Amino acid sequence: MSASGLEETLLFYLRINDMPAPMTEYRFHPRRRWRFDLAWPEHRVAVEIQGGIYMAKSGHNTAAGITRDCEKGNEAIVTGWKVLHVTREQIENGAAIDWIRRALMEQATEPPPF
Protein backbone atom coordinates (compact mmCIF):
# COMPACT_ATOMS: atom_id res chain seq x y z
CA MET A 1 0.00 0.00 0.00
CA SER A 2 1.41 3.40 -0.97
CA ALA A 3 1.87 6.29 1.45
CA SER A 4 -1.12 8.04 -0.13
CA GLY A 5 -3.07 4.78 0.25
CA LEU A 6 -2.12 4.73 3.92
CA GLU A 7 -3.31 8.31 4.25
CA GLU A 8 -6.64 7.42 2.66
CA THR A 9 -6.98 4.43 4.99
CA LEU A 10 -6.32 6.57 8.06
CA LEU A 11 -8.78 9.22 6.82
CA PHE A 12 -11.39 6.46 6.43
CA TYR A 13 -10.78 5.22 9.99
CA LEU A 14 -11.05 8.79 11.30
CA ARG A 15 -14.44 9.18 9.55
CA ILE A 16 -15.92 5.91 10.80
CA ASN A 17 -14.78 6.76 14.34
CA ASP A 18 -16.56 10.15 14.18
CA MET A 19 -13.33 12.05 14.66
CA PRO A 20 -12.72 15.57 13.39
CA ALA A 21 -11.46 15.79 9.83
CA PRO A 22 -7.83 16.87 9.56
CA MET A 23 -6.20 19.10 7.00
CA THR A 24 -3.99 17.12 4.63
CA GLU A 25 -0.51 18.17 3.51
CA TYR A 26 -0.63 21.02 6.02
CA ARG A 27 2.27 23.48 5.77
CA PHE A 28 3.13 24.22 9.39
CA HIS A 29 6.27 26.34 9.14
CA PRO A 30 6.22 29.95 7.91
CA ARG A 31 9.61 29.82 6.17
CA ARG A 32 10.13 26.18 5.24
CA ARG A 33 8.06 24.04 2.89
CA TRP A 34 7.58 21.32 5.47
CA ARG A 35 4.17 19.70 5.53
CA PHE A 36 2.45 17.27 7.85
CA ASP A 37 0.54 14.37 6.28
CA LEU A 38 -2.47 15.19 8.50
CA ALA A 39 -2.96 18.09 10.91
CA TRP A 40 -5.46 19.63 13.26
CA PRO A 41 -3.98 23.16 13.47
CA GLU A 42 -6.44 24.36 16.11
CA HIS A 43 -5.09 21.63 18.44
CA ARG A 44 -1.51 21.75 17.10
CA VAL A 45 -1.68 17.98 16.58
CA ALA A 46 -0.20 16.35 13.49
CA VAL A 47 0.34 12.87 12.07
CA GLU A 48 3.24 11.71 9.96
CA ILE A 49 2.62 8.37 8.23
CA GLN A 50 5.79 6.30 7.98
CA GLY A 51 5.07 4.62 4.65
CA GLY A 52 8.66 4.89 3.41
CA ILE A 53 9.88 2.29 5.90
CA TYR A 54 8.48 -0.39 3.59
CA MET A 55 10.56 0.71 0.58
CA ALA A 56 14.05 -0.56 -0.08
CA LYS A 57 15.09 2.87 -1.35
CA SER A 58 13.45 5.85 0.28
CA GLY A 59 14.70 9.37 0.90
CA HIS A 60 13.65 8.94 4.51
CA ASN A 61 15.93 5.92 5.04
CA THR A 62 19.23 7.64 4.18
CA ALA A 63 21.47 9.56 6.56
CA ALA A 64 20.55 12.82 4.82
CA GLY A 65 16.84 11.95 4.90
CA ILE A 66 16.90 11.05 8.58
CA THR A 67 18.75 14.29 9.31
CA ARG A 68 16.09 16.29 7.41
CA ASP A 69 13.31 14.45 9.25
CA CYS A 70 14.98 15.23 12.58
CA GLU A 71 15.19 18.92 11.69
CA LYS A 72 11.53 19.01 10.66
CA GLY A 73 10.38 17.06 13.72
CA ASN A 74 12.41 19.09 16.18
CA GLU A 75 11.23 22.38 14.66
CA ALA A 76 7.64 21.16 14.99
CA ILE A 77 8.17 20.29 18.67
CA VAL A 78 9.82 23.57 19.60
CA THR A 79 6.99 25.48 17.92
CA GLY A 80 4.41 23.65 20.03
CA TRP A 81 3.18 20.78 17.86
CA LYS A 82 2.37 17.25 19.05
CA VAL A 83 3.50 15.04 16.18
CA LEU A 84 2.45 11.40 16.05
CA HIS A 85 4.40 9.03 13.80
CA VAL A 86 2.42 5.99 12.68
CA THR A 87 2.98 2.91 10.54
CA ARG A 88 0.61 0.82 8.45
CA GLU A 89 0.26 -1.73 11.25
CA GLN A 90 -0.63 0.99 13.77
CA ILE A 91 -3.26 2.39 11.42
CA GLU A 92 -4.75 -1.06 10.84
CA ASN A 93 -4.72 -2.23 14.48
CA GLY A 94 -6.36 0.93 15.83
CA ALA A 95 -3.37 2.29 17.78
CA ALA A 96 -3.14 5.35 15.50
CA ILE A 97 -6.80 6.26 16.11
CA ASP A 98 -6.33 5.86 19.86
CA TRP A 99 -3.25 8.11 19.91
CA ILE A 100 -4.94 10.74 17.73
CA ARG A 101 -8.06 10.74 19.90
CA ARG A 102 -5.98 11.12 23.06
CA ALA A 103 -3.78 13.86 21.57
CA LEU A 104 -6.84 15.81 20.41
CA MET A 105 -8.35 15.47 23.88
CA GLU A 106 -5.00 16.47 25.46
CA GLN A 107 -4.77 13.19 27.34
CA ALA A 108 -1.56 12.06 25.71
CA THR A 109 0.06 11.58 29.12
CA GLU A 110 -2.16 8.59 29.93
CA PRO A 111 -0.48 5.22 29.49
CA PRO A 112 -1.64 3.25 26.44
CA PRO A 113 -4.45 0.72 27.04
CA PHE A 114 -2.29 -2.20 25.86
C-alpha atoms as a PDB file:
ATOM      1  CA  MET A   1       0.000   0.000   0.000  1.00  0.00           C
ATOM      2  CA  SER A   2       1.412   3.396  -0.967  1.00  0.00           C
ATOM      3  CA  ALA A   3       1.871   6.294   1.451  1.00  0.00           C
ATOM      4  CA  SER A   4      -1.123   8.035  -0.130  1.00  0.00           C
ATOM      5  CA  GLY A   5      -3.066   4.777   0.246  1.00  0.00           C
ATOM      6  CA  LEU A   6      -2.123   4.725   3.917  1.00  0.00           C
ATOM      7  CA  GLU A   7      -3.306   8.313   4.251  1.00  0.00           C
ATOM      8  CA  GLU A   8      -6.642   7.420   2.662  1.00  0.00           C
ATOM      9  CA  THR A   9      -6.977   4.428   4.991  1.00  0.00           C
ATOM     10  CA  LEU A  10      -6.319   6.574   8.057  1.00  0.00           C
ATOM     11  CA  LEU A  11      -8.778   9.222   6.818  1.00  0.00           C
ATOM     12  CA  PHE A  12     -11.389   6.458   6.428  1.00  0.00           C
ATOM     13  CA  TYR A  13     -10.783   5.218   9.993  1.00  0.00           C
ATOM     14  CA  LEU A  14     -11.052   8.786  11.298  1.00  0.00           C
ATOM     15  CA  ARG A  15     -14.436   9.177   9.545  1.00  0.00           C
ATOM     16  CA  ILE A  16     -15.915   5.912  10.798  1.00  0.00           C
ATOM     17  CA  ASN A  17     -14.784   6.755  14.338  1.00  0.00           C
ATOM     18  CA  ASP A  18     -16.560  10.146  14.176  1.00  0.00           C
ATOM     19  CA  MET A  19     -13.328  12.049  14.664  1.00  0.00           C
ATOM     20  CA  PRO A  20     -12.722  15.569  13.390  1.00  0.00           C
ATOM     21  CA  ALA A  21     -11.463  15.792   9.828  1.00  0.00           C
ATOM     22  CA  PRO A  22      -7.833  16.867   9.557  1.00  0.00           C
ATOM     23  CA  MET A  23      -6.198  19.100   7.002  1.00  0.00           C
ATOM     24  CA  THR A  24      -3.993  17.122   4.630  1.00  0.00           C
ATOM     25  CA  GLU A  25      -0.514  18.166   3.512  1.00  0.00           C
ATOM     26  CA  TYR A  26      -0.629  21.024   6.023  1.00  0.00           C
ATOM     27  CA  ARG A  27       2.267  23.484   5.771  1.00  0.00           C
ATOM     28  CA  PHE A  28       3.130  24.225   9.394  1.00  0.00           C
ATOM     29  CA  HIS A  29       6.272  26.340   9.144  1.00  0.00           C
ATOM     30  CA  PRO A  30       6.219  29.952   7.908  1.00  0.00           C
ATOM     31  CA  ARG A  31       9.606  29.819   6.169  1.00  0.00           C
ATOM     32  CA  ARG A  32      10.130  26.178   5.238  1.00  0.00           C
ATOM     33  CA  ARG A  33       8.064  24.044   2.889  1.00  0.00           C
ATOM     34  CA  TRP A  34       7.584  21.319   5.471  1.00  0.00           C
ATOM     35  CA  ARG A  35       4.171  19.701   5.530  1.00  0.00           C
ATOM     36  CA  PHE A  36       2.445  17.273   7.847  1.00  0.00           C
ATOM     37  CA  ASP A  37       0.539  14.374   6.284  1.00  0.00           C
ATOM     38  CA  LEU A  38      -2.470  15.191   8.502  1.00  0.00           C
ATOM     39  CA  ALA A  39      -2.956  18.095  10.912  1.00  0.00           C
ATOM     40  CA  TRP A  40      -5.463  19.635  13.263  1.00  0.00           C
ATOM     41  CA  PRO A  41      -3.976  23.159  13.468  1.00  0.00           C
ATOM     42  CA  GLU A  42      -6.438  24.357  16.112  1.00  0.00           C
ATOM     43  CA  HIS A  43      -5.090  21.628  18.436  1.00  0.00           C
ATOM     44  CA  ARG A  44      -1.511  21.752  17.098  1.00  0.00           C
ATOM     45  CA  VAL A  45      -1.679  17.983  16.581  1.00  0.00           C
ATOM     46  CA  ALA A  46      -0.195  16.347  13.492  1.00  0.00           C
ATOM     47  CA  VAL A  47       0.341  12.870  12.067  1.00  0.00           C
ATOM     48  CA  GLU A  48       3.240  11.711   9.956  1.00  0.00           C
ATOM     49  CA  ILE A  49       2.624   8.374   8.234  1.00  0.00           C
ATOM     50  CA  GLN A  50       5.789   6.298   7.979  1.00  0.00           C
ATOM     51  CA  GLY A  51       5.068   4.624   4.647  1.00  0.00           C
ATOM     52  CA  GLY A  52       8.660   4.889   3.413  1.00  0.00           C
ATOM     53  CA  ILE A  53       9.884   2.287   5.897  1.00  0.00           C
ATOM     54  CA  TYR A  54       8.478  -0.392   3.593  1.00  0.00           C
ATOM     55  CA  MET A  55      10.557   0.710   0.585  1.00  0.00           C
ATOM     56  CA  ALA A  56      14.054  -0.562  -0.076  1.00  0.00           C
ATOM     57  CA  LYS A  57      15.091   2.873  -1.354  1.00  0.00           C
ATOM     58  CA  SER A  58      13.451   5.852   0.275  1.00  0.00           C
ATOM     59  CA  GLY A  59      14.703   9.374   0.903  1.00  0.00           C
ATOM     60  CA  HIS A  60      13.652   8.945   4.514  1.00  0.00           C
ATOM     61  CA  ASN A  61      15.932   5.923   5.037  1.00  0.00           C
ATOM     62  CA  THR A  62      19.231   7.636   4.185  1.00  0.00           C
ATOM     63  CA  ALA A  63      21.470   9.564   6.564  1.00  0.00           C
ATOM     64  CA  ALA A  64      20.551  12.823   4.824  1.00  0.00           C
ATOM     65  CA  GLY A  65      16.844  11.947   4.903  1.00  0.00           C
ATOM     66  CA  ILE A  66      16.901  11.049   8.580  1.00  0.00           C
ATOM     67  CA  THR A  67      18.752  14.294   9.313  1.00  0.00           C
ATOM     68  CA  ARG A  68      16.091  16.286   7.407  1.00  0.00           C
ATOM     69  CA  ASP A  69      13.306  14.446   9.246  1.00  0.00           C
ATOM     70  CA  CYS A  70      14.981  15.229  12.582  1.00  0.00           C
ATOM     71  CA  GLU A  71      15.193  18.917  11.691  1.00  0.00           C
ATOM     72  CA  LYS A  72      11.528  19.014  10.664  1.00  0.00           C
ATOM     73  CA  GLY A  73      10.377  17.058  13.720  1.00  0.00           C
ATOM     74  CA  ASN A  74      12.406  19.089  16.175  1.00  0.00           C
ATOM     75  CA  GLU A  75      11.228  22.377  14.663  1.00  0.00           C
ATOM     76  CA  ALA A  76       7.640  21.157  14.993  1.00  0.00           C
ATOM     77  CA  ILE A  77       8.167  20.290  18.666  1.00  0.00           C
ATOM     78  CA  VAL A  78       9.825  23.572  19.600  1.00  0.00           C
ATOM     79  CA  THR A  79       6.987  25.480  17.918  1.00  0.00           C
ATOM     80  CA  GLY A  80       4.413  23.645  20.026  1.00  0.00           C
ATOM     81  CA  TRP A  81       3.178  20.778  17.857  1.00  0.00           C
ATOM     82  CA  LYS A  82       2.368  17.251  19.051  1.00  0.00           C
ATOM     83  CA  VAL A  83       3.504  15.040  16.180  1.00  0.00           C
ATOM     84  CA  LEU A  84       2.454  11.402  16.052  1.00  0.00           C
ATOM     85  CA  HIS A  85       4.404   9.029  13.801  1.00  0.00           C
ATOM     86  CA  VAL A  86       2.417   5.994  12.684  1.00  0.00           C
ATOM     87  CA  THR A  87       2.982   2.909  10.543  1.00  0.00           C
ATOM     88  CA  ARG A  88       0.605   0.822   8.452  1.00  0.00           C
ATOM     89  CA  GLU A  89       0.262  -1.725  11.251  1.00  0.00           C
ATOM     90  CA  GLN A  90      -0.628   0.989  13.767  1.00  0.00           C
ATOM     91  CA  ILE A  91      -3.264   2.390  11.419  1.00  0.00           C
ATOM     92  CA  GLU A  92      -4.749  -1.062  10.842  1.00  0.00           C
ATOM     93  CA  ASN A  93      -4.720  -2.234  14.478  1.00  0.00           C
ATOM     94  CA  GLY A  94      -6.361   0.931  15.829  1.00  0.00           C
ATOM     95  CA  ALA A  95      -3.373   2.292  17.776  1.00  0.00           C
ATOM     96  CA  ALA A  96      -3.144   5.349  15.497  1.00  0.00           C
ATOM     97  CA  ILE A  97      -6.801   6.256  16.106  1.00  0.00           C
ATOM     98  CA  ASP A  98      -6.331   5.863  19.863  1.00  0.00           C
ATOM     99  CA  TRP A  99      -3.251   8.111  19.908  1.00  0.00           C
ATOM    100  CA  ILE A 100      -4.935  10.737  17.733  1.00  0.00           C
ATOM    101  CA  ARG A 101      -8.058  10.736  19.900  1.00  0.00           C
ATOM    102  CA  ARG A 102      -5.982  11.124  23.060  1.00  0.00           C
ATOM    103  CA  ALA A 103      -3.781  13.860  21.570  1.00  0.00           C
ATOM    104  CA  LEU A 104      -6.841  15.813  20.410  1.00  0.00           C
ATOM    105  CA  MET A 105      -8.349  15.468  23.885  1.00  0.00           C
ATOM    106  CA  GLU A 106      -5.002  16.473  25.456  1.00  0.00           C
ATOM    107  CA  GLN A 107      -4.769  13.187  27.338  1.00  0.00           C
ATOM    108  CA  ALA A 108      -1.556  12.062  25.707  1.00  0.00           C
ATOM    109  CA  THR A 109       0.058  11.577  29.116  1.00  0.00           C
ATOM    110  CA  GLU A 110      -2.163   8.593  29.934  1.00  0.00           C
ATOM    111  CA  PRO A 111      -0.476   5.222  29.490  1.00  0.00           C
ATOM    112  CA  PRO A 112      -1.644   3.252  26.440  1.00  0.00           C
ATOM    113  CA  PRO A 113      -4.445   0.724  27.041  1.00  0.00           C
ATOM    114  CA  PHE A 114      -2.293  -2.200  25.864  1.00  0.00           C
END
